[in-house]
Amino acid sequence: MLVAPKRHSALFAASLSAATRASYRCFGGVDSERIGWLHALSERLGFQKIMRNICALLVLLFAFGVASARDSEKSLQEWIGDPSHGTFQGTIRLSGKTHGDYHRGYRCPSYEAATFAVSIVEKAHLHEKTPKALRATLLRSLAGQSCEPAAAGQYRPLQLGNASQIDNGPEAGEEWTALRVQAPDGAEIGLVYDASIYAIDD
């Protein structure tokens, strides 16, 4: 007699129980003795215990998700409330001007594109040490994600992402931060923004 492998027992039990319930719905009490043995077999395989564990896990994941969302919102509000990040009345004001070889903000097609661009700079710190090399990595990463210099206007932060710093020496530096923002045109986009206290914008 063939025996189902252990690793498939849970899936088998779930399928068996689903088949049992479907049979009850379709046939009601007809031929209940024949259907009943399927239900008994699923009980012996521990299907109800498996389902209880799954439900408990889902509840824990939901609670963790709610707590994480609250923490993210708190972090965002704290970030916005710090005037050293160049925020004013809950928004970021960009001039759209060039500062040396870069702009203070870059508009990306999505929040995910912005976080990916910043993550490349984070990884580059493992093998690149000079500000010039890191800046070049940033610009390549932005271009690769179709991020372009952000137009002048006010951008409202909606979600705070990852950040990577470039140290340019004493009292000089960049803090490239990924954000989900509402752009001046009303669209929700990604923004890679230099939130350093040393950043210049006018």
N, C-alpha and C. Protein backbone atom coordinates (compact mmCIF):
# COMPACT_ATOMS: atom_id res chain seq x y z
N MET A 1 0.85 -1.19 0.00
CA MET A 1 0.00 0.00 0.00
C MET A 1 0.88 1.23 0.00
N LEU A 2 0.57 2.21 -0.84
CA LEU A 2 1.36 3.43 -0.92
C LEU A 2 0.98 4.36 0.22
N VAL A 3 2.00 5.00 0.83
CA VAL A 3 1.77 5.93 1.94
C VAL A 3 2.28 7.30 1.52
N ALA A 4 1.48 8.34 1.74
CA ALA A 4 1.90 9.70 1.39
C ALA A 4 3.08 10.11 2.23
N PRO A 5 4.12 10.75 1.67
CA PRO A 5 5.28 11.21 2.44
C PRO A 5 4.85 12.18 3.53
N LYS A 6 5.60 12.23 4.63
CA LYS A 6 5.25 13.09 5.76
C LYS A 6 5.16 14.55 5.38
N ARG A 7 6.05 14.99 4.48
CA ARG A 7 6.09 16.39 4.15
C ARG A 7 4.83 16.84 3.40
N HIS A 8 4.08 15.87 2.89
CA HIS A 8 2.86 16.20 2.17
C HIS A 8 1.62 15.99 3.02
N SER A 9 1.78 15.54 4.29
CA SER A 9 0.63 15.18 5.10
C SER A 9 -0.27 16.37 5.40
N ALA A 10 0.33 17.52 5.66
CA ALA A 10 -0.49 18.71 5.97
C ALA A 10 -1.31 19.12 4.77
N LEU A 11 -0.65 19.15 3.60
CA LEU A 11 -1.37 19.51 2.38
C LEU A 11 -2.46 18.50 2.08
N PHE A 12 -2.14 17.22 2.29
CA PHE A 12 -3.11 16.17 2.05
C PHE A 12 -4.30 16.32 2.99
N ALA A 13 -4.01 16.64 4.27
CA ALA A 13 -5.09 16.80 5.24
C ALA A 13 -5.99 17.97 4.87
N ALA A 14 -5.37 19.07 4.46
CA ALA A 14 -6.15 20.24 4.09
C ALA A 14 -7.04 19.94 2.89
N SER A 15 -6.48 19.26 1.89
CA SER A 15 -7.26 18.91 0.71
C SER A 15 -8.38 17.96 1.06
N LEU A 16 -8.08 17.02 1.95
CA LEU A 16 -9.07 16.03 2.35
C LEU A 16 -10.22 16.68 3.09
N SER A 17 -9.88 17.58 4.02
CA SER A 17 -10.92 18.26 4.78
C SER A 17 -11.76 19.15 3.88
N ALA A 18 -11.10 19.86 2.94
CA ALA A 18 -11.84 20.70 2.01
C ALA A 18 -12.79 19.87 1.17
N ALA A 19 -12.34 18.70 0.76
CA ALA A 19 -13.19 17.81 -0.02
C ALA A 19 -14.38 17.35 0.80
N THR A 20 -14.13 17.08 2.08
CA THR A 20 -15.21 16.67 2.98
C THR A 20 -16.26 17.76 3.10
N ARG A 21 -15.80 19.00 3.35
CA ARG A 21 -16.76 20.10 3.50
C ARG A 21 -17.53 20.33 2.21
N ALA A 22 -16.82 20.25 1.08
CA ALA A 22 -17.49 20.44 -0.20
C ALA A 22 -18.54 19.36 -0.42
N SER A 23 -18.22 18.15 0.00
CA SER A 23 -19.16 17.06 -0.17
C SER A 23 -20.42 17.29 0.65
N TYR A 24 -20.25 17.76 1.89
CA TYR A 24 -21.40 18.05 2.73
C TYR A 24 -22.27 19.14 2.11
N ARG A 25 -21.61 20.18 1.55
CA ARG A 25 -22.39 21.27 0.96
C ARG A 25 -23.16 20.79 -0.26
N CYS A 26 -22.52 19.96 -1.04
CA CYS A 26 -23.15 19.52 -2.28
C CYS A 26 -24.24 18.49 -2.06
N PHE A 27 -23.98 17.54 -1.12
CA PHE A 27 -24.89 16.41 -0.99
C PHE A 27 -25.71 16.42 0.29
N GLY A 28 -25.44 17.38 1.18
CA GLY A 28 -26.19 17.43 2.43
C GLY A 28 -26.02 16.15 3.21
N GLY A 29 -27.12 15.54 3.59
CA GLY A 29 -27.07 14.32 4.39
C GLY A 29 -27.08 13.05 3.55
N VAL A 30 -27.02 13.16 2.25
CA VAL A 30 -27.07 11.99 1.38
C VAL A 30 -25.81 11.15 1.56
N ASP A 31 -26.01 9.89 1.77
CA ASP A 31 -24.89 8.94 1.88
C ASP A 31 -23.88 9.40 2.91
N SER A 32 -24.36 9.85 4.09
CA SER A 32 -23.49 10.44 5.11
C SER A 32 -22.46 9.46 5.65
N GLU A 33 -22.80 8.17 5.65
CA GLU A 33 -21.83 7.19 6.16
C GLU A 33 -20.58 7.16 5.29
N ARG A 34 -20.79 7.26 3.98
CA ARG A 34 -19.65 7.21 3.06
C ARG A 34 -18.79 8.48 3.21
N ILE A 35 -19.43 9.64 3.42
CA ILE A 35 -18.70 10.90 3.56
C ILE A 35 -18.02 10.99 4.93
N GLY A 36 -18.66 10.41 5.94
CA GLY A 36 -18.16 10.54 7.31
C GLY A 36 -16.77 10.01 7.51
N TRP A 37 -16.41 8.93 6.82
CA TRP A 37 -15.06 8.37 7.02
C TRP A 37 -13.98 9.33 6.54
N LEU A 38 -14.29 10.19 5.54
CA LEU A 38 -13.32 11.18 5.09
C LEU A 38 -13.04 12.18 6.21
N HIS A 39 -14.12 12.62 6.86
CA HIS A 39 -13.96 13.58 7.95
C HIS A 39 -13.15 12.98 9.09
N ALA A 40 -13.44 11.70 9.43
CA ALA A 40 -12.72 11.02 10.51
C ALA A 40 -11.24 10.90 10.18
N LEU A 41 -10.94 10.59 8.92
CA LEU A 41 -9.54 10.45 8.51
C LEU A 41 -8.81 11.78 8.63
N SER A 42 -9.47 12.88 8.24
CA SER A 42 -8.83 14.20 8.34
C SER A 42 -8.58 14.56 9.79
N GLU A 43 -9.49 14.12 10.71
CA GLU A 43 -9.29 14.37 12.13
C GLU A 43 -8.06 13.61 12.62
N ARG A 44 -7.90 12.38 12.19
CA ARG A 44 -6.76 11.57 12.62
C ARG A 44 -5.44 12.15 12.14
N LEU A 45 -5.46 12.85 11.02
CA LEU A 45 -4.25 13.47 10.50
C LEU A 45 -3.92 14.79 11.21
N GLY A 46 -4.79 15.18 12.14
CA GLY A 46 -4.52 16.40 12.92
C GLY A 46 -4.83 17.68 12.19
N PHE A 47 -5.80 17.62 11.28
CA PHE A 47 -6.11 18.81 10.48
C PHE A 47 -6.57 19.98 11.34
N GLN A 48 -7.42 19.73 12.32
CA GLN A 48 -7.93 20.82 13.17
C GLN A 48 -6.80 21.49 13.95
N LYS A 49 -5.86 20.69 14.45
CA LYS A 49 -4.72 21.25 15.18
C LYS A 49 -3.87 22.12 14.27
N ILE A 50 -3.68 21.65 13.03
CA ILE A 50 -2.90 22.43 12.06
C ILE A 50 -3.59 23.77 11.80
N MET A 51 -4.91 23.73 11.62
CA MET A 51 -5.65 24.96 11.34
C MET A 51 -5.61 25.92 12.52
N ARG A 52 -5.69 25.39 13.75
CA ARG A 52 -5.60 26.27 14.93
C ARG A 52 -4.25 26.98 14.97
N ASN A 53 -3.19 26.24 14.66
CA ASN A 53 -1.85 26.84 14.65
C ASN A 53 -1.73 27.91 13.56
N ILE A 54 -2.32 27.63 12.40
CA ILE A 54 -2.29 28.60 11.30
C ILE A 54 -3.03 29.86 11.70
N CYS A 55 -4.22 29.70 12.31
CA CYS A 55 -5.01 30.87 12.74
C CYS A 55 -4.25 31.70 13.78
N ALA A 56 -3.60 31.02 14.73
CA ALA A 56 -2.83 31.73 15.75
C ALA A 56 -1.68 32.52 15.11
N LEU A 57 -1.02 31.90 14.11
CA LEU A 57 0.08 32.57 13.42
C LEU A 57 -0.43 33.80 12.67
N LEU A 58 -1.58 33.68 12.03
CA LEU A 58 -2.15 34.82 11.30
C LEU A 58 -2.47 35.97 12.23
N VAL A 59 -3.00 35.66 13.41
CA VAL A 59 -3.31 36.70 14.40
C VAL A 59 -2.04 37.42 14.82
N LEU A 60 -0.97 36.64 15.08
CA LEU A 60 0.30 37.24 15.48
C LEU A 60 0.88 38.12 14.38
N LEU A 61 0.80 37.64 13.13
CA LEU A 61 1.31 38.42 12.01
C LEU A 61 0.53 39.72 11.84
N PHE A 62 -0.79 39.64 12.04
CA PHE A 62 -1.62 40.85 11.93
C PHE A 62 -1.23 41.86 13.01
N ALA A 63 -1.07 41.37 14.26
CA ALA A 63 -0.70 42.27 15.36
C ALA A 63 0.67 42.89 15.11
N PHE A 64 1.61 42.08 14.60
CA PHE A 64 2.94 42.60 14.29
C PHE A 64 2.87 43.66 13.20
N GLY A 65 2.03 43.42 12.19
CA GLY A 65 1.88 44.38 11.09
C GLY A 65 1.32 45.70 11.58
N VAL A 66 0.32 45.65 12.48
CA VAL A 66 -0.26 46.88 13.03
C VAL A 66 0.78 47.65 13.82
N ALA A 67 1.55 46.93 14.67
CA ALA A 67 2.58 47.59 15.48
C ALA A 67 3.66 48.20 14.59
N SER A 68 4.06 47.48 13.54
CA SER A 68 5.08 48.01 12.63
C SER A 68 4.59 49.26 11.91
N ALA A 69 3.32 49.25 11.51
CA ALA A 69 2.75 50.42 10.84
C ALA A 69 2.75 51.63 11.76
N ARG A 70 2.42 51.42 13.03
CA ARG A 70 2.42 52.52 14.00
C ARG A 70 3.84 53.06 14.21
N ASP A 71 4.80 52.14 14.31
CA ASP A 71 6.20 52.57 14.48
C ASP A 71 6.68 53.36 13.27
N SER A 72 6.29 52.91 12.07
CA SER A 72 6.70 53.61 10.86
C SER A 72 6.10 55.01 10.80
N GLU A 73 4.83 55.12 11.20
CA GLU A 73 4.18 56.43 11.20
C GLU A 73 4.84 57.35 12.23
N LYS A 74 5.18 56.80 13.40
CA LYS A 74 5.85 57.60 14.43
C LYS A 74 7.21 58.08 13.94
N SER A 75 7.96 57.20 13.30
CA SER A 75 9.28 57.57 12.77
C SER A 75 9.16 58.66 11.72
N LEU A 76 8.14 58.54 10.86
CA LEU A 76 7.93 59.55 9.82
C LEU A 76 7.63 60.91 10.45
N GLN A 77 6.75 60.93 11.42
CA GLN A 77 6.37 62.20 12.04
C GLN A 77 7.56 62.83 12.78
N GLU A 78 8.37 62.00 13.41
CA GLU A 78 9.57 62.51 14.09
C GLU A 78 10.55 63.08 13.07
N TRP A 79 10.67 62.41 11.94
CA TRP A 79 11.58 62.87 10.88
C TRP A 79 11.09 64.20 10.33
N ILE A 80 9.80 64.30 10.05
CA ILE A 80 9.22 65.55 9.53
C ILE A 80 9.38 66.68 10.54
N GLY A 81 9.23 66.34 11.82
CA GLY A 81 9.29 67.36 12.87
C GLY A 81 10.69 67.86 13.16
N ASP A 82 11.70 67.25 12.56
CA ASP A 82 13.09 67.68 12.79
C ASP A 82 13.45 68.72 11.73
N PRO A 83 13.55 70.00 12.11
CA PRO A 83 13.83 71.06 11.12
C PRO A 83 15.18 70.92 10.43
N SER A 84 16.09 70.13 11.00
CA SER A 84 17.40 69.95 10.37
C SER A 84 17.28 69.20 9.05
N HIS A 85 16.13 68.56 8.81
CA HIS A 85 15.93 67.84 7.56
C HIS A 85 15.40 68.74 6.44
N GLY A 86 15.27 70.01 6.75
CA GLY A 86 14.82 70.95 5.73
C GLY A 86 13.32 70.95 5.52
N THR A 87 12.57 70.43 6.48
CA THR A 87 11.11 70.42 6.37
C THR A 87 10.53 71.71 6.94
N PHE A 88 9.38 72.10 6.41
CA PHE A 88 8.69 73.29 6.92
C PHE A 88 7.19 73.07 6.77
N GLN A 89 6.51 73.12 7.90
CA GLN A 89 5.06 72.91 7.93
C GLN A 89 4.68 71.59 7.24
N GLY A 90 5.46 70.58 7.52
CA GLY A 90 5.14 69.24 7.03
C GLY A 90 5.51 68.96 5.59
N THR A 91 6.23 69.86 4.97
CA THR A 91 6.60 69.65 3.56
C THR A 91 8.10 69.90 3.35
N ILE A 92 8.58 69.42 2.21
CA ILE A 92 9.95 69.68 1.76
C ILE A 92 9.84 70.64 0.58
N ARG A 93 10.58 71.72 0.65
CA ARG A 93 10.58 72.68 -0.45
C ARG A 93 11.86 72.52 -1.26
N LEU A 94 11.72 72.23 -2.54
CA LEU A 94 12.87 72.08 -3.42
C LEU A 94 12.88 73.19 -4.46
N SER A 95 14.08 73.67 -4.77
CA SER A 95 14.22 74.75 -5.75
C SER A 95 14.39 74.22 -7.17
N GLY A 96 14.82 72.96 -7.29
CA GLY A 96 15.08 72.39 -8.61
C GLY A 96 16.42 72.79 -9.17
N LYS A 97 17.20 73.54 -8.41
CA LYS A 97 18.50 74.01 -8.89
C LYS A 97 19.58 72.96 -8.68
N THR A 98 20.65 73.09 -9.46
CA THR A 98 21.81 72.22 -9.32
C THR A 98 22.74 72.77 -8.26
N HIS A 99 23.28 71.86 -7.42
CA HIS A 99 24.26 72.25 -6.41
C HIS A 99 25.54 71.47 -6.69
N GLY A 100 26.47 72.13 -7.32
CA GLY A 100 27.67 71.42 -7.76
C GLY A 100 27.30 70.47 -8.88
N ASP A 101 27.46 69.18 -8.65
CA ASP A 101 27.13 68.21 -9.70
C ASP A 101 25.88 67.40 -9.36
N TYR A 102 25.08 67.88 -8.40
CA TYR A 102 23.88 67.13 -8.05
C TYR A 102 22.74 68.07 -7.65
N HIS A 103 21.53 67.51 -7.61
CA HIS A 103 20.36 68.22 -7.11
C HIS A 103 20.04 67.69 -5.71
N ARG A 104 19.34 68.49 -4.93
CA ARG A 104 19.03 68.05 -3.57
C ARG A 104 17.97 66.95 -3.57
N GLY A 105 17.10 66.94 -4.57
CA GLY A 105 16.06 65.92 -4.62
C GLY A 105 15.91 65.32 -6.01
N TYR A 106 15.61 64.02 -6.05
CA TYR A 106 15.41 63.32 -7.32
C TYR A 106 14.05 62.61 -7.28
N ARG A 107 13.27 62.88 -8.30
CA ARG A 107 11.95 62.26 -8.41
C ARG A 107 12.08 60.89 -9.08
N CYS A 108 11.54 59.87 -8.41
CA CYS A 108 11.59 58.50 -8.92
C CYS A 108 10.18 58.03 -9.27
N PRO A 109 10.06 57.08 -10.20
CA PRO A 109 8.73 56.60 -10.60
C PRO A 109 7.92 56.02 -9.46
N SER A 110 8.60 55.48 -8.44
CA SER A 110 7.90 54.85 -7.32
C SER A 110 8.76 54.92 -6.06
N TYR A 111 8.12 54.66 -4.94
CA TYR A 111 8.82 54.59 -3.66
C TYR A 111 9.85 53.46 -3.69
N GLU A 112 9.47 52.33 -4.31
CA GLU A 112 10.37 51.18 -4.40
C GLU A 112 11.63 51.53 -5.20
N ALA A 113 11.47 52.31 -6.26
CA ALA A 113 12.63 52.73 -7.04
C ALA A 113 13.55 53.60 -6.21
N ALA A 114 12.97 54.47 -5.40
CA ALA A 114 13.76 55.36 -4.54
C ALA A 114 14.54 54.56 -3.50
N THR A 115 13.88 53.60 -2.84
CA THR A 115 14.56 52.80 -1.82
C THR A 115 15.66 51.94 -2.44
N PHE A 116 15.43 51.44 -3.66
CA PHE A 116 16.45 50.63 -4.33
C PHE A 116 17.67 51.48 -4.67
N ALA A 117 17.44 52.68 -5.16
CA ALA A 117 18.55 53.57 -5.52
C ALA A 117 19.42 53.86 -4.30
N VAL A 118 18.78 54.11 -3.16
CA VAL A 118 19.54 54.41 -1.94
C VAL A 118 20.27 53.16 -1.45
N SER A 119 19.64 51.99 -1.59
CA SER A 119 20.27 50.76 -1.12
C SER A 119 21.58 50.47 -1.87
N ILE A 120 21.65 50.87 -3.14
CA ILE A 120 22.89 50.68 -3.91
C ILE A 120 24.03 51.49 -3.30
N VAL A 121 23.71 52.69 -2.86
CA VAL A 121 24.73 53.53 -2.21
C VAL A 121 25.15 52.92 -0.88
N GLU A 122 24.18 52.37 -0.14
CA GLU A 122 24.51 51.71 1.12
C GLU A 122 25.51 50.57 0.89
N LYS A 123 25.26 49.75 -0.12
CA LYS A 123 26.14 48.63 -0.41
C LYS A 123 27.50 49.10 -0.90
N ALA A 124 27.52 50.24 -1.59
CA ALA A 124 28.78 50.75 -2.15
C ALA A 124 29.77 51.12 -1.05
N HIS A 125 29.28 51.41 0.15
CA HIS A 125 30.17 51.75 1.26
C HIS A 125 31.12 50.60 1.61
N LEU A 126 30.79 49.40 1.20
CA LEU A 126 31.63 48.25 1.51
C LEU A 126 32.93 48.27 0.72
N HIS A 127 32.93 48.91 -0.47
CA HIS A 127 34.14 48.90 -1.29
C HIS A 127 34.55 50.29 -1.79
N GLU A 128 33.66 51.26 -1.65
CA GLU A 128 34.00 52.63 -2.06
C GLU A 128 34.15 53.50 -0.81
N LYS A 129 35.19 54.28 -0.74
CA LYS A 129 35.44 55.08 0.46
C LYS A 129 35.41 56.58 0.19
N THR A 130 35.74 57.00 -1.01
CA THR A 130 35.82 58.44 -1.27
C THR A 130 34.45 59.02 -1.60
N PRO A 131 34.17 60.24 -1.17
CA PRO A 131 32.89 60.88 -1.48
C PRO A 131 32.61 60.95 -2.98
N LYS A 132 33.68 61.17 -3.76
CA LYS A 132 33.51 61.28 -5.21
C LYS A 132 32.99 59.96 -5.80
N ALA A 133 33.56 58.84 -5.35
CA ALA A 133 33.15 57.54 -5.85
C ALA A 133 31.72 57.21 -5.42
N LEU A 134 31.40 57.55 -4.18
CA LEU A 134 30.05 57.28 -3.68
C LEU A 134 29.02 58.15 -4.40
N ARG A 135 29.38 59.39 -4.66
CA ARG A 135 28.47 60.28 -5.40
C ARG A 135 28.23 59.74 -6.80
N ALA A 136 29.29 59.25 -7.45
CA ALA A 136 29.15 58.69 -8.79
C ALA A 136 28.23 57.46 -8.76
N THR A 137 28.36 56.64 -7.72
CA THR A 137 27.48 55.48 -7.56
C THR A 137 26.04 55.92 -7.40
N LEU A 138 25.82 56.95 -6.61
CA LEU A 138 24.47 57.49 -6.41
C LEU A 138 23.85 57.93 -7.73
N LEU A 139 24.59 58.69 -8.50
CA LEU A 139 24.06 59.22 -9.76
C LEU A 139 23.76 58.10 -10.76
N ARG A 140 24.62 57.07 -10.79
CA ARG A 140 24.37 55.92 -11.67
C ARG A 140 23.13 55.16 -11.21
N SER A 141 23.02 55.01 -9.91
CA SER A 141 21.88 54.29 -9.35
C SER A 141 20.57 55.02 -9.65
N LEU A 142 20.59 56.33 -9.51
CA LEU A 142 19.39 57.12 -9.81
C LEU A 142 19.00 56.99 -11.28
N ALA A 143 19.99 57.08 -12.15
CA ALA A 143 19.71 56.95 -13.58
C ALA A 143 19.15 55.57 -13.91
N GLY A 144 19.69 54.55 -13.25
CA GLY A 144 19.23 53.19 -13.48
C GLY A 144 17.79 52.96 -13.07
N GLN A 145 17.31 53.75 -12.11
CA GLN A 145 15.93 53.64 -11.64
C GLN A 145 15.02 54.70 -12.27
N SER A 146 15.52 55.37 -13.30
CA SER A 146 14.76 56.42 -14.01
C SER A 146 14.35 57.56 -13.08
N CYS A 147 15.22 57.87 -12.13
CA CYS A 147 14.99 59.00 -11.23
C CYS A 147 15.63 60.24 -11.85
N GLU A 148 14.89 61.33 -11.84
CA GLU A 148 15.35 62.57 -12.45
C GLU A 148 15.31 63.71 -11.45
N PRO A 149 16.08 64.79 -11.69
CA PRO A 149 16.02 65.93 -10.77
C PRO A 149 14.59 66.38 -10.53
N ALA A 150 14.25 66.55 -9.26
CA ALA A 150 12.88 66.94 -8.91
C ALA A 150 12.64 68.40 -9.25
N ALA A 151 11.47 68.67 -9.79
CA ALA A 151 11.11 70.04 -10.14
C ALA A 151 10.89 70.87 -8.88
N ALA A 152 10.96 72.17 -9.04
CA ALA A 152 10.73 73.07 -7.90
C ALA A 152 9.31 72.90 -7.38
N GLY A 153 9.17 73.02 -6.07
CA GLY A 153 7.85 72.92 -5.46
C GLY A 153 7.91 72.28 -4.10
N GLN A 154 6.73 72.08 -3.52
CA GLN A 154 6.63 71.49 -2.18
C GLN A 154 6.23 70.02 -2.29
N TYR A 155 6.95 69.19 -1.55
CA TYR A 155 6.71 67.75 -1.55
C TYR A 155 6.32 67.33 -0.12
N ARG A 156 5.21 66.61 -0.01
CA ARG A 156 4.73 66.20 1.31
C ARG A 156 5.12 64.74 1.58
N PRO A 157 5.99 64.50 2.57
CA PRO A 157 6.41 63.12 2.89
C PRO A 157 5.23 62.28 3.39
N LEU A 158 5.13 61.05 2.86
CA LEU A 158 4.08 60.12 3.26
C LEU A 158 4.63 58.85 3.88
N GLN A 159 5.87 58.51 3.54
CA GLN A 159 6.50 57.30 4.08
C GLN A 159 8.00 57.47 4.08
N LEU A 160 8.60 57.08 5.19
CA LEU A 160 10.05 57.22 5.35
C LEU A 160 10.73 55.90 5.04
N GLY A 161 11.74 55.96 4.16
CA GLY A 161 12.46 54.76 3.77
C GLY A 161 13.88 54.73 4.32
N ASN A 162 14.76 54.05 3.62
CA ASN A 162 16.14 53.89 4.05
C ASN A 162 16.96 55.14 3.73
N ALA A 163 18.14 55.22 4.32
CA ALA A 163 19.01 56.38 4.12
C ALA A 163 20.46 55.93 4.06
N SER A 164 21.28 56.71 3.35
CA SER A 164 22.71 56.42 3.26
C SER A 164 23.47 57.74 3.25
N GLN A 165 24.50 57.81 4.05
CA GLN A 165 25.26 59.06 4.18
C GLN A 165 26.53 59.03 3.35
N ILE A 166 26.90 60.20 2.91
CA ILE A 166 28.19 60.40 2.24
C ILE A 166 28.92 61.48 3.03
N ASP A 167 30.03 61.11 3.60
CA ASP A 167 30.82 62.02 4.45
C ASP A 167 31.79 62.81 3.59
N ASN A 168 31.59 64.12 3.56
CA ASN A 168 32.45 64.99 2.76
C ASN A 168 33.49 65.74 3.60
N GLY A 169 33.67 65.31 4.84
CA GLY A 169 34.65 65.98 5.69
C GLY A 169 33.98 66.75 6.82
N PRO A 170 34.77 67.52 7.58
CA PRO A 170 34.23 68.29 8.70
C PRO A 170 33.11 69.24 8.27
N GLU A 171 31.99 69.14 8.98
CA GLU A 171 30.83 70.00 8.74
C GLU A 171 30.40 69.99 7.27
N ALA A 172 30.44 68.83 6.69
CA ALA A 172 29.98 68.68 5.30
C ALA A 172 29.58 67.23 5.10
N GLY A 173 28.46 67.04 4.50
CA GLY A 173 28.00 65.68 4.29
C GLY A 173 26.65 65.63 3.60
N GLU A 174 26.25 64.46 3.18
CA GLU A 174 24.97 64.24 2.52
C GLU A 174 24.26 63.08 3.21
N GLU A 175 22.97 63.17 3.28
CA GLU A 175 22.16 62.12 3.91
C GLU A 175 21.02 61.75 2.96
N TRP A 176 21.33 60.90 2.01
CA TRP A 176 20.36 60.56 0.97
C TRP A 176 19.30 59.63 1.52
N THR A 177 18.06 60.11 1.48
CA THR A 177 16.93 59.44 2.12
C THR A 177 15.85 59.13 1.10
N ALA A 178 15.34 57.91 1.15
CA ALA A 178 14.24 57.52 0.27
C ALA A 178 12.91 57.84 0.95
N LEU A 179 12.01 58.44 0.20
CA LEU A 179 10.71 58.82 0.73
C LEU A 179 9.62 58.50 -0.29
N ARG A 180 8.43 58.22 0.25
CA ARG A 180 7.23 58.28 -0.58
C ARG A 180 6.63 59.65 -0.32
N VAL A 181 6.37 60.40 -1.37
CA VAL A 181 5.89 61.77 -1.19
C VAL A 181 4.71 62.06 -2.13
N GLN A 182 3.99 63.11 -1.76
CA GLN A 182 3.01 63.67 -2.69
C GLN A 182 3.68 64.84 -3.38
N ALA A 183 3.80 64.74 -4.69
CA ALA A 183 4.49 65.76 -5.48
C ALA A 183 3.60 66.99 -5.66
N PRO A 184 4.18 68.11 -6.12
CA PRO A 184 3.38 69.31 -6.35
C PRO A 184 2.21 69.08 -7.31
N ASP A 185 2.35 68.11 -8.21
CA ASP A 185 1.25 67.83 -9.15
C ASP A 185 0.20 66.88 -8.58
N GLY A 186 0.38 66.49 -7.31
CA GLY A 186 -0.59 65.63 -6.64
C GLY A 186 -0.30 64.15 -6.74
N ALA A 187 0.66 63.76 -7.55
CA ALA A 187 0.98 62.34 -7.72
C ALA A 187 1.79 61.82 -6.53
N GLU A 188 1.60 60.54 -6.17
CA GLU A 188 2.42 59.90 -5.16
C GLU A 188 3.60 59.24 -5.87
N ILE A 189 4.79 59.66 -5.49
CA ILE A 189 6.00 59.20 -6.18
C ILE A 189 7.07 58.87 -5.15
N GLY A 190 8.22 58.43 -5.64
CA GLY A 190 9.37 58.25 -4.78
C GLY A 190 10.26 59.48 -4.88
N LEU A 191 10.94 59.78 -3.79
CA LEU A 191 11.87 60.92 -3.78
C LEU A 191 13.14 60.49 -3.07
N VAL A 192 14.28 60.70 -3.72
CA VAL A 192 15.58 60.52 -3.08
C VAL A 192 16.06 61.92 -2.73
N TYR A 193 16.18 62.17 -1.43
CA TYR A 193 16.33 63.54 -0.92
C TYR A 193 17.53 63.64 0.00
N ASP A 194 18.33 64.68 -0.19
CA ASP A 194 19.45 64.92 0.71
C ASP A 194 18.94 65.64 1.95
N ALA A 195 18.77 64.86 3.04
CA ALA A 195 18.21 65.42 4.27
C ALA A 195 19.27 65.92 5.22
N SER A 196 20.50 66.05 4.76
CA SER A 196 21.58 66.51 5.63
C SER A 196 21.39 67.95 6.06
N ILE A 197 21.81 68.25 7.28
CA ILE A 197 21.76 69.63 7.77
C ILE A 197 22.68 70.53 6.97
N TYR A 198 23.64 69.92 6.26
CA TYR A 198 24.59 70.71 5.47
C TYR A 198 24.12 70.94 4.03
N ALA A 199 23.01 70.31 3.67
CA ALA A 199 22.52 70.46 2.31
C ALA A 199 22.06 71.89 2.05
N ILE A 200 22.20 72.35 0.80
CA ILE A 200 21.85 73.72 0.44
C ILE A 200 20.70 73.71 -0.54
N ASP A 201 19.69 74.49 -0.28
CA ASP A 201 18.61 74.68 -1.21
C ASP A 201 18.05 76.09 -1.01
N ASP A 202 17.54 76.71 -2.08
CA ASP A 202 17.04 78.07 -1.93
C ASP A 202 15.86 78.29 -2.89
